[in-house]
């Protein structure tokens, strides 16, 4: 399972894994000890705290996959920067996103030749949990 998570980001480590009849859930954290401020880009090692961010990834064998990421919150150490604290950034998802970029791309690809209602039904059959409204928003954002 480390290999699967490593494909998203080589600096991720699996802390726990839970598999049941419908879902596969990974509890993971980053091995990085520093992160750049999103505004001034200065690296900080000063950890302010942690929080759990849950995002959905591509299904595995028809099971919905959730990543529970223990995100480090850093304090910007640049006195000229207006940002006080910030969370780690992961390349595989947008900030505050509920789905990985590769899942979003899959949703778009599988929706192009279908109605949103048909697409959502098909998604649920293969383990992608998405509502019709959300699928429509994802598709619109991709083509704006």
C-alpha atoms as a PDB file:
ATOM      1  CA  UNK A   1       0.000   0.000   0.000  1.00  0.00           C
ATOM      2  CA  UNK A   2       2.980   2.313   0.525  1.00  0.00           C
ATOM      3  CA  UNK A   3       3.646   2.024  -3.227  1.00  0.00           C
ATOM      4  CA  UNK A   4       0.118   3.168  -4.084  1.00  0.00           C
ATOM      5  CA  UNK A   5       0.394   6.221  -1.866  1.00  0.00           C
ATOM      6  CA  UNK A   6       3.950   6.840  -3.083  1.00  0.00           C
ATOM      7  CA  UNK A   7       2.581   7.337  -6.608  1.00  0.00           C
ATOM      8  CA  UNK A   8       0.731  10.414  -5.341  1.00  0.00           C
ATOM      9  CA  UNK A   9       3.726  11.836  -3.493  1.00  0.00           C
ATOM     10  CA  UNK A  10       6.962  10.074  -2.560  1.00  0.00           C
ATOM     11  CA  UNK A  11       7.035  11.935   0.776  1.00  0.00           C
ATOM     12  CA  UNK A  12       3.791  10.406   2.049  1.00  0.00           C
ATOM     13  CA  UNK A  13       3.762   7.662   4.668  1.00  0.00           C
ATOM     14  CA  UNK A  14       0.852   5.367   5.479  1.00  0.00           C
ATOM     15  CA  UNK A  15       0.008   5.324   9.196  1.00  0.00           C
ATOM     16  CA  UNK A  16      -3.069   3.138   9.012  1.00  0.00           C
ATOM     17  CA  UNK A  17      -5.258   1.346   6.491  1.00  0.00           C
ATOM     18  CA  UNK A  18      -8.846   0.204   6.818  1.00  0.00           C
ATOM     19  CA  UNK A  19     -10.636  -1.893   4.202  1.00  0.00           C
ATOM     20  CA  UNK A  20     -14.303  -2.835   4.318  1.00  0.00           C
ATOM     21  CA  UNK A  21     -16.837  -3.999   1.738  1.00  0.00           C
ATOM     22  CA  UNK A  22     -17.319  -0.516   0.182  1.00  0.00           C
ATOM     23  CA  UNK A  23     -14.274   1.616   1.062  1.00  0.00           C
ATOM     24  CA  UNK A  24     -10.515   1.658   1.425  1.00  0.00           C
ATOM     25  CA  UNK A  25      -9.304   4.355   3.801  1.00  0.00           C
ATOM     26  CA  UNK A  26      -5.709   5.464   4.209  1.00  0.00           C
ATOM     27  CA  UNK A  27      -4.481   7.554   7.141  1.00  0.00           C
ATOM     28  CA  UNK A  28      -1.332   9.243   5.909  1.00  0.00           C
ATOM     29  CA  UNK A  29       1.105  12.019   6.713  1.00  0.00           C
ATOM     30  CA  UNK A  30       3.909  13.826   4.936  1.00  0.00           C
ATOM     31  CA  UNK A  31       7.525  13.116   5.872  1.00  0.00           C
ATOM     32  CA  UNK A  32       8.454  16.709   4.942  1.00  0.00           C
ATOM     33  CA  UNK A  33       9.755  18.783   7.829  1.00  0.00           C
ATOM     34  CA  UNK A  34       9.334  22.108   6.030  1.00  0.00           C
ATOM     35  CA  UNK A  35       7.021  23.772   3.552  1.00  0.00           C
ATOM     36  CA  UNK A  36       7.021  27.016   1.530  1.00  0.00           C
ATOM     37  CA  UNK A  37       4.672  29.839   2.414  1.00  0.00           C
ATOM     38  CA  UNK A  38       2.078  30.207  -0.377  1.00  0.00           C
ATOM     39  CA  UNK A  39       2.570  33.995  -0.451  1.00  0.00           C
ATOM     40  CA  UNK A  40       6.259  34.791   0.134  1.00  0.00           C
ATOM     41  CA  UNK A  41       7.578  31.301  -0.771  1.00  0.00           C
ATOM     42  CA  UNK A  42       9.976  31.294   2.180  1.00  0.00           C
ATOM     43  CA  UNK A  43      10.368  27.829   3.687  1.00  0.00           C
ATOM     44  CA  UNK A  44       9.313  27.314   7.277  1.00  0.00           C
ATOM     45  CA  UNK A  45      10.070  24.499   9.693  1.00  0.00           C
ATOM     46  CA  UNK A  46       8.023  26.006  12.505  1.00  0.00           C
ATOM     47  CA  UNK A  47       4.991  23.761  12.965  1.00  0.00           C
ATOM     48  CA  UNK A  48       1.929  25.560  14.326  1.00  0.00           C
ATOM     49  CA  UNK A  49      -0.332  22.499  14.517  1.00  0.00           C
ATOM     50  CA  UNK A  50      -2.027  19.749  12.532  1.00  0.00           C
ATOM     51  CA  UNK A  51      -5.426  18.989  11.053  1.00  0.00           C
ATOM     52  CA  UNK A  52      -6.984  16.084   9.149  1.00  0.00           C
ATOM     53  CA  UNK A  53      -8.032  16.724   5.545  1.00  0.00           C
ATOM     54  CA  UNK A  54     -10.021  13.976   3.813  1.00  0.00           C
ATOM     55  CA  UNK A  55     -10.057  13.637   0.033  1.00  0.00           C
ATOM     56  CA  UNK A  56     -11.342  10.985  -2.340  1.00  0.00           C
ATOM     57  CA  UNK A  57      -8.991   9.302  -4.798  1.00  0.00           C
ATOM     58  CA  UNK A  58      -9.454   6.875  -7.679  1.00  0.00           C
ATOM     59  CA  UNK A  59     -11.300   3.699  -6.685  1.00  0.00           C
ATOM     60  CA  UNK A  60      -9.472   0.415  -6.217  1.00  0.00           C
ATOM     61  CA  UNK A  61     -11.315  -2.746  -7.303  1.00  0.00           C
ATOM     62  CA  UNK A  62     -14.666  -0.932  -7.158  1.00  0.00           C
ATOM     63  CA  UNK A  63     -14.094   0.361  -3.622  1.00  0.00           C
ATOM     64  CA  UNK A  64     -14.212   4.073  -2.857  1.00  0.00           C
ATOM     65  CA  UNK A  65     -10.801   5.315  -1.685  1.00  0.00           C
ATOM     66  CA  UNK A  66     -10.428   8.034   0.940  1.00  0.00           C
ATOM     67  CA  UNK A  67      -7.177   9.646   2.016  1.00  0.00           C
ATOM     68  CA  UNK A  68      -7.188  11.076   5.540  1.00  0.00           C
ATOM     69  CA  UNK A  69      -4.140  13.335   5.467  1.00  0.00           C
ATOM     70  CA  UNK A  70      -2.601  14.601   8.698  1.00  0.00           C
ATOM     71  CA  UNK A  71      -1.673  18.036   7.343  1.00  0.00           C
ATOM     72  CA  UNK A  72       0.987  20.070   9.113  1.00  0.00           C
ATOM     73  CA  UNK A  73       0.161  23.717   9.684  1.00  0.00           C
ATOM     74  CA  UNK A  74       3.267  25.914   9.530  1.00  0.00           C
ATOM     75  CA  UNK A  75       3.958  29.401  10.808  1.00  0.00           C
ATOM     76  CA  UNK A  76       5.470  31.810   8.282  1.00  0.00           C
ATOM     77  CA  UNK A  77       8.704  33.136   9.747  1.00  0.00           C
ATOM     78  CA  UNK A  78       9.029  36.052   7.316  1.00  0.00           C
ATOM     79  CA  UNK A  79       8.118  39.214   9.301  1.00  0.00           C
ATOM     80  CA  UNK A  80       7.231  41.080   6.070  1.00  0.00           C
ATOM     81  CA  UNK A  81       4.709  38.440   4.986  1.00  0.00           C
ATOM     82  CA  UNK A  82       0.999  38.935   5.721  1.00  0.00           C
ATOM     83  CA  UNK A  83       0.425  35.173   6.049  1.00  0.00           C
ATOM     84  CA  UNK A  84       0.673  33.994   9.642  1.00  0.00           C
ATOM     85  CA  UNK A  85       0.008  30.256   9.255  1.00  0.00           C
ATOM     86  CA  UNK A  86      -0.468  27.939   6.288  1.00  0.00           C
ATOM     87  CA  UNK A  87      -1.053  24.269   5.599  1.00  0.00           C
ATOM     88  CA  UNK A  88       1.165  21.936   3.630  1.00  0.00           C
ATOM     89  CA  UNK A  89       0.514  21.878  -0.099  1.00  0.00           C
ATOM     90  CA  UNK A  90       0.221  18.603  -1.996  1.00  0.00           C
ATOM     91  CA  UNK A  91       0.637  18.544  -5.780  1.00  0.00           C
ATOM     92  CA  UNK A  92      -1.963  15.800  -6.220  1.00  0.00           C
ATOM     93  CA  UNK A  93      -4.871  18.013  -5.080  1.00  0.00           C
ATOM     94  CA  UNK A  94      -5.941  21.612  -5.070  1.00  0.00           C
ATOM     95  CA  UNK A  95      -5.986  23.384  -1.686  1.00  0.00           C
ATOM     96  CA  UNK A  96      -9.175  22.509   0.235  1.00  0.00           C
ATOM     97  CA  UNK A  97     -10.226  20.083  -2.527  1.00  0.00           C
ATOM     98  CA  UNK A  98     -12.304  17.021  -1.712  1.00  0.00           C
ATOM     99  CA  UNK A  99     -11.011  15.004  -4.672  1.00  0.00           C
ATOM    100  CA  UNK A 100      -7.538  14.366  -6.094  1.00  0.00           C
ATOM    101  CA  UNK A 101      -6.634  15.949  -9.427  1.00  0.00           C
ATOM    102  CA  UNK A 102      -6.497  12.538 -11.093  1.00  0.00           C
ATOM    103  CA  UNK A 103      -9.998  11.702  -9.834  1.00  0.00           C
ATOM    104  CA  UNK A 104     -11.291  15.038 -11.150  1.00  0.00           C
ATOM    105  CA  UNK A 105      -9.706  14.294 -14.542  1.00  0.00           C
ATOM    106  CA  UNK A 106     -11.338  10.853 -14.563  1.00  0.00           C
ATOM    107  CA  UNK A 107     -14.739  12.331 -13.719  1.00  0.00           C
ATOM    108  CA  UNK A 108     -14.396  14.771 -16.620  1.00  0.00           C
ATOM    109  CA  UNK A 109     -13.184  12.101 -19.054  1.00  0.00           C
ATOM    110  CA  UNK A 110     -15.991   9.689 -18.185  1.00  0.00           C
ATOM    111  CA  UNK A 111     -18.665  12.415 -18.301  1.00  0.00           C
ATOM    112  CA  UNK A 112     -18.006  13.953 -21.693  1.00  0.00           C
ATOM    113  CA  UNK A 113     -20.330  11.771 -23.755  1.00  0.00           C
ATOM    114  CA  UNK A 114     -23.055  11.203 -21.134  1.00  0.00           C
ATOM    115  CA  UNK A 115     -25.723  13.078 -19.291  1.00  0.00           C
ATOM    116  CA  UNK A 116     -24.682  14.000 -15.749  1.00  0.00           C
ATOM    117  CA  UNK A 117     -27.335  11.646 -14.340  1.00  0.00           C
ATOM    118  CA  UNK A 118     -26.014   8.686 -16.355  1.00  0.00           C
ATOM    119  CA  UNK A 119     -22.417   9.590 -15.505  1.00  0.00           C
ATOM    120  CA  UNK A 120     -23.129   9.733 -11.758  1.00  0.00           C
ATOM    121  CA  UNK A 121     -24.860   6.345 -11.912  1.00  0.00           C
ATOM    122  CA  UNK A 122     -21.839   4.887 -13.736  1.00  0.00           C
ATOM    123  CA  UNK A 123     -19.452   6.480 -11.214  1.00  0.00           C
ATOM    124  CA  UNK A 124     -21.242   4.854  -8.300  1.00  0.00           C
ATOM    125  CA  UNK A 125     -20.973   1.462 -10.025  1.00  0.00           C
ATOM    126  CA  UNK A 126     -17.155   1.722 -10.098  1.00  0.00           C
ATOM    127  CA  UNK A 127     -16.684   3.253  -6.633  1.00  0.00           C
ATOM    128  CA  UNK A 128     -16.561   6.998  -7.356  1.00  0.00           C
ATOM    129  CA  UNK A 129     -18.844   8.848  -4.951  1.00  0.00           C
ATOM    130  CA  UNK A 130     -19.974  12.097  -6.539  1.00  0.00           C
ATOM    131  CA  UNK A 131     -23.298  13.909  -6.682  1.00  0.00           C
ATOM    132  CA  UNK A 132     -24.848  15.094  -9.934  1.00  0.00           C
ATOM    133  CA  UNK A 133     -24.465  18.758  -8.978  1.00  0.00           C
ATOM    134  CA  UNK A 134     -20.802  18.276  -8.030  1.00  0.00           C
ATOM    135  CA  UNK A 135     -20.054  16.425 -11.277  1.00  0.00           C
ATOM    136  CA  UNK A 136     -21.609  19.315 -13.233  1.00  0.00           C
ATOM    137  CA  UNK A 137     -19.516  21.884 -11.339  1.00  0.00           C
ATOM    138  CA  UNK A 138     -16.309  19.874 -11.908  1.00  0.00           C
ATOM    139  CA  UNK A 139     -16.970  19.667 -15.642  1.00  0.00           C
ATOM    140  CA  UNK A 140     -17.816  23.379 -15.940  1.00  0.00           C
ATOM    141  CA  UNK A 141     -14.657  24.391 -14.040  1.00  0.00           C
ATOM    142  CA  UNK A 142     -12.491  22.221 -16.263  1.00  0.00           C
ATOM    143  CA  UNK A 143     -13.680  23.990 -19.423  1.00  0.00           C
ATOM    144  CA  UNK A 144     -13.695  27.583 -18.198  1.00  0.00           C
END
